[in-house]
C-alpha atoms as a PDB file:
ATOM      1  CA  MET A   1       1.290  22.515 -15.292  1.00  0.00           C
ATOM      2  CA  ASP A   2       1.437  22.933 -18.993  1.00  0.00           C
ATOM      3  CA  PRO A   3      -1.626  24.484 -20.369  1.00  0.00           C
ATOM      4  CA  ASN A   4      -1.966  22.253 -22.951  1.00  0.00           C
ATOM      5  CA  PHE A   5      -2.173  19.413 -20.332  1.00  0.00           C
ATOM      6  CA  VAL A   6      -4.305  21.304 -18.297  1.00  0.00           C
ATOM      7  CA  GLN A   7      -6.896  21.417 -21.327  1.00  0.00           C
ATOM      8  CA  HIS A   8      -6.222  17.771 -22.373  1.00  0.00           C
ATOM      9  CA  VAL A   9      -6.860  16.409 -18.689  1.00  0.00           C
ATOM     10  CA  ALA A  10     -10.023  18.834 -18.253  1.00  0.00           C
ATOM     11  CA  ALA A  11     -11.205  17.421 -21.726  1.00  0.00           C
ATOM     12  CA  GLN A  12     -11.302  13.876 -20.740  1.00  0.00           C
ATOM     13  CA  THR A  13     -12.407  14.148 -17.214  1.00  0.00           C
ATOM     14  CA  GLY A  14     -15.536  16.294 -18.208  1.00  0.00           C
ATOM     15  CA  LEU A  15     -14.372  19.749 -17.153  1.00  0.00           C
ATOM     16  CA  ASP A  16     -14.691  23.132 -19.247  1.00  0.00           C
ATOM     17  CA  PRO A  17     -11.030  23.280 -20.910  1.00  0.00           C
ATOM     18  CA  ASP A  18     -11.327  27.004 -21.206  1.00  0.00           C
ATOM     19  CA  GLN A  19     -12.045  27.520 -17.565  1.00  0.00           C
ATOM     20  CA  ALA A  20     -10.020  24.675 -16.085  1.00  0.00           C
ATOM     21  CA  GLU A  21      -7.151  25.640 -13.616  1.00  0.00           C
ATOM     22  CA  ALA A  22      -4.483  23.617 -11.869  1.00  0.00           C
ATOM     23  CA  ARG A  23      -2.748  23.957  -8.524  1.00  0.00           C
ATOM     24  CA  ALA A  24       0.086  21.795  -7.041  1.00  0.00           C
ATOM     25  CA  VAL A  25      -0.941  20.150  -4.015  1.00  0.00           C
ATOM     26  CA  ALA A  26       0.907  17.460  -1.932  1.00  0.00           C
ATOM     27  CA  GLY A  27       0.424  13.989  -3.399  1.00  0.00           C
ATOM     28  CA  GLY A  28       3.154  11.667  -1.841  1.00  0.00           C
ATOM     29  CA  SER A  29       6.765  10.979  -2.705  1.00  0.00           C
ATOM     30  CA  ILE A  30       6.619   9.518  -6.160  1.00  0.00           C
ATOM     31  CA  ALA A  31       4.089  11.194  -8.052  1.00  0.00           C
ATOM     32  CA  SER A  32       3.312  14.803  -8.852  1.00  0.00           C
ATOM     33  CA  ALA A  33      -0.015  15.959  -7.885  1.00  0.00           C
ATOM     34  CA  TRP A  34      -2.599  18.924  -8.854  1.00  0.00           C
ATOM     35  CA  ARG A  35      -6.243  20.136  -7.885  1.00  0.00           C
ATOM     36  CA  LEU A  36      -7.821  20.536 -11.380  1.00  0.00           C
ATOM     37  CA  SER A  37     -11.095  22.598 -10.979  1.00  0.00           C
ATOM     38  CA  ASP A  38     -13.477  24.851 -13.283  1.00  0.00           C
ATOM     39  CA  ALA A  39     -16.274  27.038 -12.046  1.00  0.00           C
ATOM     40  CA  THR A  40     -18.332  23.713 -10.816  1.00  0.00           C
ATOM     41  CA  LYS A  41     -16.176  20.740 -10.228  1.00  0.00           C
ATOM     42  CA  ARG A  42     -12.669  19.785  -8.571  1.00  0.00           C
ATOM     43  CA  LEU A  43     -10.540  16.840  -9.234  1.00  0.00           C
ATOM     44  CA  PHE A  44      -7.478  15.328  -7.991  1.00  0.00           C
ATOM     45  CA  ILE A  45      -4.683  14.635 -10.679  1.00  0.00           C
ATOM     46  CA  LYS A  46      -1.581  12.301 -10.140  1.00  0.00           C
ATOM     47  CA  GLY A  47       1.109  12.361 -12.831  1.00  0.00           C
ATOM     48  CA  LEU A  48       4.251  10.186 -13.269  1.00  0.00           C
ATOM     49  CA  PRO A  49       6.644  10.103 -16.232  1.00  0.00           C
ATOM     50  CA  GLY A  50       5.288   8.033 -19.257  1.00  0.00           C
ATOM     51  CA  GLU A  51       7.585   5.262 -18.415  1.00  0.00           C
ATOM     52  CA  SER A  52       6.215   4.779 -14.727  1.00  0.00           C
ATOM     53  CA  GLU A  53       2.545   4.714 -16.182  1.00  0.00           C
ATOM     54  CA  ALA A  54       2.533   1.054 -14.935  1.00  0.00           C
ATOM     55  CA  ILE A  55       2.525   2.371 -11.432  1.00  0.00           C
ATOM     56  CA  LEU A  56      -0.554   4.354 -12.037  1.00  0.00           C
ATOM     57  CA  ASP A  57      -2.316   1.544 -13.753  1.00  0.00           C
ATOM     58  CA  ALA A  58      -1.549  -0.749 -10.456  1.00  0.00           C
ATOM     59  CA  GLU A  59      -2.997   1.906  -8.214  1.00  0.00           C
ATOM     60  CA  ARG A  60      -6.175   2.157 -10.443  1.00  0.00           C
ATOM     61  CA  ASP A  61      -6.521  -1.523 -10.310  1.00  0.00           C
ATOM     62  CA  GLY A  62      -5.950  -1.719  -6.540  1.00  0.00           C
ATOM     63  CA  LEU A  63      -8.524   0.686  -5.654  1.00  0.00           C
ATOM     64  CA  ALA A  64     -11.110  -0.811  -7.982  1.00  0.00           C
ATOM     65  CA  ARG A  65     -10.415  -4.144  -6.217  1.00  0.00           C
ATOM     66  CA  LEU A  66     -11.027  -2.192  -2.592  1.00  0.00           C
ATOM     67  CA  ALA A  67     -14.012  -0.393  -3.921  1.00  0.00           C
ATOM     68  CA  ALA A  68     -15.405  -3.741  -5.434  1.00  0.00           C
ATOM     69  CA  ALA A  69     -15.146  -5.295  -2.011  1.00  0.00           C
ATOM     70  CA  GLY A  70     -17.405  -2.627  -0.798  1.00  0.00           C
ATOM     71  CA  CYS A  71     -16.178  -1.989   2.859  1.00  0.00           C
ATOM     72  CA  ILE A  72     -13.769   0.891   3.065  1.00  0.00           C
ATOM     73  CA  ARG A  73     -14.487   4.050   1.183  1.00  0.00           C
ATOM     74  CA  THR A  74     -11.632   4.714  -1.561  1.00  0.00           C
ATOM     75  CA  PRO A  75     -11.474   7.872  -3.787  1.00  0.00           C
ATOM     76  CA  ALA A  76     -13.195   7.094  -7.174  1.00  0.00           C
ATOM     77  CA  VAL A  77     -11.090   7.099 -10.310  1.00  0.00           C
ATOM     78  CA  ILE A  78     -12.596   9.294 -12.885  1.00  0.00           C
ATOM     79  CA  ALA A  79     -10.164   8.902 -15.749  1.00  0.00           C
ATOM     80  CA  TRP A  80      -6.628   8.053 -16.751  1.00  0.00           C
ATOM     81  CA  GLY A  81      -4.328   8.675 -19.809  1.00  0.00           C
ATOM     82  CA  HIS A  82      -1.015  10.164 -20.597  1.00  0.00           C
ATOM     83  CA  LEU A  83       0.072  13.142 -22.916  1.00  0.00           C
ATOM     84  CA  ASP A  84       3.743  14.089 -24.106  1.00  0.00           C
ATOM     85  CA  GLU A  85       5.354  11.166 -22.255  1.00  0.00           C
ATOM     86  CA  VAL A  86       3.213  12.114 -19.024  1.00  0.00           C
ATOM     87  CA  ALA A  87       1.042   9.557 -17.629  1.00  0.00           C
ATOM     88  CA  TRP A  88      -1.862  10.732 -15.376  1.00  0.00           C
ATOM     89  CA  LEU A  89      -4.632   9.284 -13.156  1.00  0.00           C
ATOM     90  CA  ALA A  90      -7.716  11.483 -12.249  1.00  0.00           C
ATOM     91  CA  PHE A  91      -9.987  11.168  -8.844  1.00  0.00           C
ATOM     92  CA  GLU A  92     -12.596  12.507  -7.138  1.00  0.00           C
ATOM     93  CA  TRP A  93     -11.789  15.490  -4.987  1.00  0.00           C
ATOM     94  CA  CYS A  94     -12.003  14.333  -1.342  1.00  0.00           C
ATOM     95  CA  ASP A  95     -11.823  16.874   1.478  1.00  0.00           C
ATOM     96  CA  MET A  96      -9.689  14.765   3.756  1.00  0.00           C
ATOM     97  CA  ARG A  97      -8.812  15.258   7.361  1.00  0.00           C
ATOM     98  CA  ARG A  98      -6.825  13.462   9.903  1.00  0.00           C
ATOM     99  CA  PRO A  99      -9.091  10.883  11.366  1.00  0.00           C
ATOM    100  CA  ASP A 100     -10.448  10.939  14.984  1.00  0.00           C
ATOM    101  CA  GLU A 101     -10.956   8.256  17.453  1.00  0.00           C
ATOM    102  CA  ALA A 102     -14.305   7.360  16.112  1.00  0.00           C
ATOM    103  CA  CYS A 103     -12.941   7.178  12.625  1.00  0.00           C
ATOM    104  CA  PHE A 104     -10.076   4.915  13.684  1.00  0.00           C
ATOM    105  CA  ALA A 105     -12.578   2.745  15.441  1.00  0.00           C
ATOM    106  CA  ARG A 106     -14.791   2.493  12.381  1.00  0.00           C
ATOM    107  CA  LEU A 107     -11.607   1.939  10.072  1.00  0.00           C
ATOM    108  CA  GLY A 108     -10.854  -1.140  12.237  1.00  0.00           C
ATOM    109  CA  HIS A 109     -14.195  -2.629  12.010  1.00  0.00           C
ATOM    110  CA  GLN A 110     -14.431  -2.035   8.133  1.00  0.00           C
ATOM    111  CA  LEU A 111     -10.865  -3.476   7.660  1.00  0.00           C
ATOM    112  CA  CYS A 112     -11.920  -6.670   9.569  1.00  0.00           C
ATOM    113  CA  GLU A 113     -14.938  -6.959   7.068  1.00  0.00           C
ATOM    114  CA  GLN A 114     -12.423  -6.511   4.134  1.00  0.00           C
ATOM    115  CA  HIS A 115     -10.281  -8.993   5.320  1.00  0.00           C
ATOM    116  CA  ARG A 116     -13.139 -11.605   5.488  1.00  0.00           C
ATOM    117  CA  ARG A 117     -13.043 -11.305   1.649  1.00  0.00           C
ATOM    118  CA  VAL A 118     -10.731 -14.102   0.822  1.00  0.00           C
ATOM    119  CA  GLY A 119      -9.078 -15.698  -2.254  1.00  0.00           C
ATOM    120  CA  GLU A 120      -8.174 -18.889  -3.312  1.00  0.00           C
ATOM    121  CA  ARG A 121      -4.538 -18.154  -3.457  1.00  0.00           C
ATOM    122  CA  PHE A 122      -2.021 -15.832  -1.876  1.00  0.00           C
ATOM    123  CA  GLY A 123      -0.907 -12.996  -4.068  1.00  0.00           C
ATOM    124  CA  LEU A 124      -2.908 -11.706  -7.112  1.00  0.00           C
ATOM    125  CA  SER A 125      -3.600 -12.368 -10.728  1.00  0.00           C
ATOM    126  CA  ARG A 126      -1.040  -9.459 -11.454  1.00  0.00           C
ATOM    127  CA  ASP A 127       1.825  -7.537 -10.033  1.00  0.00           C
ATOM    128  CA  ASN A 128       2.041  -4.376  -8.936  1.00  0.00           C
ATOM    129  CA  TYR A 129       3.866  -1.817  -6.848  1.00  0.00           C
ATOM    130  CA  ILE A 130       4.791  -0.969  -3.144  1.00  0.00           C
ATOM    131  CA  GLY A 131       5.862   2.570  -3.390  1.00  0.00           C
ATOM    132  CA  SER A 132       7.824   2.714  -6.738  1.00  0.00           C
ATOM    133  CA  THR A 133       8.997  -0.893  -5.997  1.00  0.00           C
ATOM    134  CA  PRO A 134       7.814  -3.594  -8.044  1.00  0.00           C
ATOM    135  CA  GLN A 135       5.808  -6.031  -5.960  1.00  0.00           C
ATOM    136  CA  ARG A 136       5.715  -9.744  -7.265  1.00  0.00           C
ATOM    137  CA  ASN A 137       2.346 -11.373  -6.811  1.00  0.00           C
ATOM    138  CA  THR A 138       2.496 -14.623  -8.335  1.00  0.00           C
ATOM    139  CA  PRO A 139      -0.491 -16.924  -7.058  1.00  0.00           C
ATOM    140  CA  THR A 140       0.662 -19.487  -4.356  1.00  0.00           C
ATOM    141  CA  ARG A 141      -1.049 -21.787  -2.281  1.00  0.00           C
ATOM    142  CA  ASP A 142       1.462 -21.921   0.608  1.00  0.00           C
ATOM    143  CA  TRP A 143       1.768 -18.829   2.766  1.00  0.00           C
ATOM    144  CA  SER A 144       5.232 -19.619   4.234  1.00  0.00           C
ATOM    145  CA  ASP A 145       6.563 -20.055   0.501  1.00  0.00           C
ATOM    146  CA  PHE A 146       4.764 -16.669  -0.986  1.00  0.00           C
ATOM    147  CA  PHE A 147       6.187 -14.492   1.878  1.00  0.00           C
ATOM    148  CA  PHE A 148       9.424 -15.609   2.009  1.00  0.00           C
ATOM    149  CA  HIS A 149      10.052 -15.801  -1.888  1.00  0.00           C
ATOM    150  CA  HIS A 150       8.063 -12.874  -3.097  1.00  0.00           C
ATOM    151  CA  ARG A 151       8.299 -10.305  -0.268  1.00  0.00           C
ATOM    152  CA  LEU A 152      11.521 -11.003   1.709  1.00  0.00           C
ATOM    153  CA  ALA A 153      13.684 -12.456  -0.630  1.00  0.00           C
ATOM    154  CA  PHE A 154      12.793 -10.287  -3.550  1.00  0.00           C
ATOM    155  CA  GLN A 155      13.760  -6.988  -1.298  1.00  0.00           C
ATOM    156  CA  LEU A 156      16.668  -8.865  -0.141  1.00  0.00           C
ATOM    157  CA  ASP A 157      17.991  -9.533  -3.308  1.00  0.00           C
ATOM    158  CA  ARG A 158      17.511  -6.104  -4.537  1.00  0.00           C
ATOM    159  CA  LEU A 159      19.176  -4.691  -1.556  1.00  0.00           C
ATOM    160  CA  HIS A 160      22.090  -7.082  -1.978  1.00  0.00           C
ATOM    161  CA  ARG A 161      22.513  -5.870  -5.601  1.00  0.00           C
ATOM    162  CA  ARG A 162      22.629  -2.236  -4.275  1.00  0.00           C
ATOM    163  CA  THR A 163      25.136  -2.814  -1.080  1.00  0.00           C
ATOM    164  CA  GLY A 164      26.637  -6.197  -1.394  1.00  0.00           C
ATOM    165  CA  GLY A 165      25.790  -6.748   2.327  1.00  0.00           C
ATOM    166  CA  PHE A 166      22.489  -8.978   2.068  1.00  0.00           C
ATOM    167  CA  GLY A 167      23.657 -12.172   0.515  1.00  0.00           C
ATOM    168  CA  ALA A 168      23.504 -15.989   0.487  1.00  0.00           C
ATOM    169  CA  ARG A 169      24.038 -16.302   4.013  1.00  0.00           C
ATOM    170  CA  THR A 170      21.777 -13.511   5.293  1.00  0.00           C
ATOM    171  CA  ARG A 171      18.760 -14.841   2.985  1.00  0.00           C
ATOM    172  CA  GLU A 172      19.437 -18.343   4.359  1.00  0.00           C
ATOM    173  CA  ARG A 173      19.614 -17.603   8.165  1.00  0.00           C
ATOM    174  CA  LEU A 174      16.415 -15.272   7.550  1.00  0.00           C
ATOM    175  CA  GLU A 175      14.275 -18.239   5.503  1.00  0.00           C
ATOM    176  CA  ASN A 176      15.286 -20.781   8.402  1.00  0.00           C
ATOM    177  CA  ALA A 177      13.897 -18.150  11.119  1.00  0.00           C
ATOM    178  CA  TRP A 178      10.822 -17.492   8.956  1.00  0.00           C
ATOM    179  CA  ARG A 179       9.844 -21.225   8.544  1.00  0.00           C
ATOM    180  CA  ARG A 180      10.490 -21.764  12.021  1.00  0.00           C
ATOM    181  CA  GLN A 181       8.265 -19.054  12.965  1.00  0.00           C
ATOM    182  CA  VAL A 182       5.297 -19.939  11.082  1.00  0.00           C
ATOM    183  CA  GLU A 183       5.633 -23.827  11.102  1.00  0.00           C
ATOM    184  CA  GLY A 184       1.767 -25.199  11.299  1.00  0.00           C
ATOM    185  CA  TYR A 185       0.485 -21.671  10.919  1.00  0.00           C
ATOM    186  CA  ARG A 186      -2.133 -21.511   8.315  1.00  0.00           C
ATOM    187  CA  PRO A 187      -3.870 -18.015   7.307  1.00  0.00           C
ATOM    188  CA  GLU A 188      -6.333 -17.468   4.905  1.00  0.00           C
ATOM    189  CA  PRO A 189      -5.528 -15.319   1.896  1.00  0.00           C
ATOM    190  CA  SER A 190      -7.424 -12.277   3.074  1.00  0.00           C
ATOM    191  CA  LEU A 191      -7.970  -8.923   0.813  1.00  0.00           C
ATOM    192  CA  LEU A 192      -5.200  -6.710   2.038  1.00  0.00           C
ATOM    193  CA  HIS A 193      -4.593  -2.875   1.460  1.00  0.00           C
ATOM    194  CA  GLY A 194      -0.958  -4.004   1.166  1.00  0.00           C
ATOM    195  CA  ASP A 195       0.533  -0.315   2.135  1.00  0.00           C
ATOM    196  CA  LEU A 196      -1.586   0.712   5.256  1.00  0.00           C
ATOM    197  CA  TRP A 197       0.438   3.366   6.810  1.00  0.00           C
ATOM    198  CA  ASN A 198      -1.102   6.467   8.128  1.00  0.00           C
ATOM    199  CA  GLY A 199      -0.232   8.551   5.192  1.00  0.00           C
ATOM    200  CA  ASN A 200      -2.505   6.515   2.997  1.00  0.00           C
ATOM    201  CA  THR A 201      -5.462   7.096   5.621  1.00  0.00           C
ATOM    202  CA  ALA A 202      -7.761   9.922   5.936  1.00  0.00           C
ATOM    203  CA  MET A 203     -11.373  11.054   7.153  1.00  0.00           C
ATOM    204  CA  LEU A 204     -13.815  12.653   5.259  1.00  0.00           C
ATOM    205  CA  ALA A 205     -15.950  15.500   6.849  1.00  0.00           C
ATOM    206  CA  ASP A 206     -18.799  13.194   7.609  1.00  0.00           C
ATOM    207  CA  GLY A 207     -16.423  11.182   9.757  1.00  0.00           C
ATOM    208  CA  THR A 208     -16.085   8.230   7.153  1.00  0.00           C
ATOM    209  CA  PRO A 209     -12.568   6.416   6.825  1.00  0.00           C
ATOM    210  CA  LEU A 210     -10.782   6.589   3.417  1.00  0.00           C
ATOM    211  CA  VAL A 211      -7.901   4.832   2.449  1.00  0.00           C
ATOM    212  CA  PHE A 212      -5.910   5.037  -0.866  1.00  0.00           C
ATOM    213  CA  ASP A 213      -2.449   4.319  -2.614  1.00  0.00           C
ATOM    214  CA  PRO A 214      -2.769   0.415  -2.051  1.00  0.00           C
ATOM    215  CA  ALA A 215      -0.740  -2.290  -3.054  1.00  0.00           C
ATOM    216  CA  VAL A 216      -3.241  -4.879  -3.028  1.00  0.00           C
ATOM    217  CA  HIS A 217      -2.959  -8.592  -2.710  1.00  0.00           C
ATOM    218  CA  TYR A 218      -4.317 -11.619  -0.939  1.00  0.00           C
ATOM    219  CA  GLY A 219      -2.077 -12.175   2.114  1.00  0.00           C
ATOM    220  CA  ASP A 220      -2.144 -12.772   5.992  1.00  0.00           C
ATOM    221  CA  ARG A 221      -4.519 -10.216   7.358  1.00  0.00           C
ATOM    222  CA  GLU A 222      -1.954  -9.474   9.798  1.00  0.00           C
ATOM    223  CA  CYS A 223       0.217  -7.869   7.322  1.00  0.00           C
ATOM    224  CA  ASP A 224      -2.078  -4.871   7.396  1.00  0.00           C
ATOM    225  CA  LEU A 225      -1.909  -4.584  10.949  1.00  0.00           C
ATOM    226  CA  ALA A 226       1.656  -4.923  11.260  1.00  0.00           C
ATOM    227  CA  MET A 227       2.029  -1.709   8.601  1.00  0.00           C
ATOM    228  CA  ALA A 228      -0.480   0.142  10.439  1.00  0.00           C
ATOM    229  CA  ASP A 229       1.638  -0.306  13.673  1.00  0.00           C
ATOM    230  CA  LEU A 230       5.301   0.277  11.888  1.00  0.00           C
ATOM    231  CA  PHE A 231       5.438   3.960  11.642  1.00  0.00           C
ATOM    232  CA  GLY A 232       2.828   5.151  14.167  1.00  0.00           C
ATOM    233  CA  GLY A 233      -0.267   7.361  13.717  1.00  0.00           C
ATOM    234  CA  PHE A 234      -3.009   4.961  14.236  1.00  0.00           C
ATOM    235  CA  SER A 235      -5.371   5.145  17.307  1.00  0.00           C
ATOM    236  CA  GLN A 236      -5.305   2.381  19.685  1.00  0.00           C
ATOM    237  CA  ALA A 237      -9.095   2.519  18.949  1.00  0.00           C
ATOM    238  CA  PHE A 238      -8.289   0.987  15.445  1.00  0.00           C
ATOM    239  CA  PHE A 239      -6.417  -1.939  16.825  1.00  0.00           C
ATOM    240  CA  ASP A 240      -8.663  -2.764  19.699  1.00  0.00           C
ATOM    241  CA  THR A 241     -11.934  -2.682  17.385  1.00  0.00           C
ATOM    242  CA  TYR A 242     -10.302  -5.030  14.959  1.00  0.00           C
ATOM    243  CA  ARG A 243      -8.996  -7.596  17.595  1.00  0.00           C
ATOM    244  CA  GLY A 244     -12.110  -7.364  19.405  1.00  0.00           C
ATOM    245  CA  ALA A 245     -14.396  -8.191  16.034  1.00  0.00           C
ATOM    246  CA  TRP A 246     -11.561 -10.885  15.187  1.00  0.00           C
ATOM    247  CA  PRO A 247      -9.097 -11.881  17.603  1.00  0.00           C
ATOM    248  CA  LEU A 248      -5.554 -12.710  16.377  1.00  0.00           C
ATOM    249  CA  GLU A 249      -3.731 -16.429  16.675  1.00  0.00           C
ATOM    250  CA  ALA A 250      -1.018 -16.669  19.037  1.00  0.00           C
ATOM    251  CA  GLY A 251       2.403 -15.580  17.800  1.00  0.00           C
ATOM    252  CA  TRP A 252       1.166 -12.516  15.838  1.00  0.00           C
ATOM    253  CA  GLU A 253       3.612 -10.433  17.973  1.00  0.00           C
ATOM    254  CA  GLU A 254       6.728 -12.345  16.391  1.00  0.00           C
ATOM    255  CA  ARG A 255       4.853 -12.619  12.898  1.00  0.00           C
ATOM    256  CA  ARG A 256       4.633  -8.664  12.840  1.00  0.00           C
ATOM    257  CA  ARG A 257       8.493  -8.254  13.151  1.00  0.00           C
ATOM    258  CA  TYR A 258       8.835 -10.164   9.812  1.00  0.00           C
ATOM    259  CA  TYR A 259       5.598  -8.317   7.945  1.00  0.00           C
ATOM    260  CA  GLN A 260       7.420  -4.927   9.071  1.00  0.00           C
ATOM    261  CA  LEU A 261      10.754  -5.930   7.992  1.00  0.00           C
ATOM    262  CA  TYR A 262       9.128  -6.210   4.486  1.00  0.00           C
ATOM    263  CA  HIS A 263       8.454  -2.772   4.502  1.00  0.00           C
ATOM    264  CA  LEU A 264      11.765  -1.699   5.980  1.00  0.00           C
ATOM    265  CA  LEU A 265      13.531  -3.520   3.195  1.00  0.00           C
ATOM    266  CA  ASN A 266      11.468  -1.460   0.891  1.00  0.00           C
ATOM    267  CA  HIS A 267      12.320   1.785   2.529  1.00  0.00           C
ATOM    268  CA  ALA A 268      16.024   0.581   2.566  1.00  0.00           C
ATOM    269  CA  ASN A 269      15.993  -0.120  -1.235  1.00  0.00           C
ATOM    270  CA  LEU A 270      14.105   3.301  -1.874  1.00  0.00           C
ATOM    271  CA  PHE A 271      15.821   5.513   0.519  1.00  0.00           C
ATOM    272  CA  GLY A 272      18.959   3.769   1.825  1.00  0.00           C
ATOM    273  CA  GLY A 273      20.453   5.691   4.653  1.00  0.00           C
ATOM    274  CA  HIS A 274      19.752   4.120   8.230  1.00  0.00           C
ATOM    275  CA  TYR A 275      17.043   2.043   6.955  1.00  0.00           C
ATOM    276  CA  ILE A 276      19.771  -0.503   5.937  1.00  0.00           C
ATOM    277  CA  GLY A 277      20.974  -0.429   9.294  1.00  0.00           C
ATOM    278  CA  ILE A 278      17.752  -0.930  10.819  1.00  0.00           C
ATOM    279  CA  CYS A 279      16.933  -4.093   8.509  1.00  0.00           C
ATOM    280  CA  ARG A 280      20.395  -5.606   9.364  1.00  0.00           C
ATOM    281  CA  LYS A 281      19.809  -5.365  12.975  1.00  0.00           C
ATOM    282  CA  LEU A 282      16.359  -6.650  12.920  1.00  0.00           C
ATOM    283  CA  ILE A 283      17.339  -9.648  10.354  1.00  0.00           C
ATOM    284  CA  ASP A 284      19.987 -10.350  13.199  1.00  0.00           C
ATOM    285  CA  ASP A 285      17.601 -10.316  15.871  1.00  0.00           C
ATOM    286  CA  LEU A 286      14.897 -12.407  14.257  1.00  0.00           C
ATOM    287  CA  GLY A 287      17.920 -15.046  13.405  1.00  0.00           C
ATOM    288  CA  LYS A 288      18.381 -15.267  17.123  1.00  0.00           C
ATOM    289  CA  ALA A 289      14.919 -15.817  18.105  1.00  0.00           C
END
């Protein structure tokens, strides 16, 4: 990290600029990340090019919404800003480790409580991001409309522009299958993390669950569970505790496939490769169901 940048961030976050040191750490596939420290304090810093500042602002906003709900621990945001065309976001430093069984069980209970925080409509008062992909959150009263138009169709259109293989016929078949699947289903607009895969969860030293890097909005609570199940890494205790506290409605196994498709489409848009074939096969399978 440039020394001028180190001193700037240190001054903005209450560290001693003359003693501050920065060391690169793992921070995900999108942002650069550092541990910034002086003799008495450590912080976690994320940085992106200035033109991507909106991604960090959306992350800050999402964490604030989850913290306000008071159900699951999130890293505290200390400060944010930009210098020399680099945007940055500073968090408290958290000593994170992989969750154990007890932590996963606590997370399942806490997520259930968070999902009981409901809104008036699906979506959010602002758009944000899922990874680095824009996520449209136009408030909508009907879940079927919201999820198809602002999640599946939005990603399909982006993928079609990229590959040319997901056009109007694919869109129509998927919409018809989705509408049939959720006919009569009326979920509440629950407060969602929005990107709850195992890489966005951790455990603190005292066993407290921690979540971060959200894509917050109000939606069907099953969406968070579907994402948690997509790439693995969550203990069965997480799912058992959640469903024991708040059982899912009939048909959740089939709805889960659509909710996972959203994230797979996003991965296809971000990374291409085998994700495109996975999406094509899943869409074909859903159309036959």
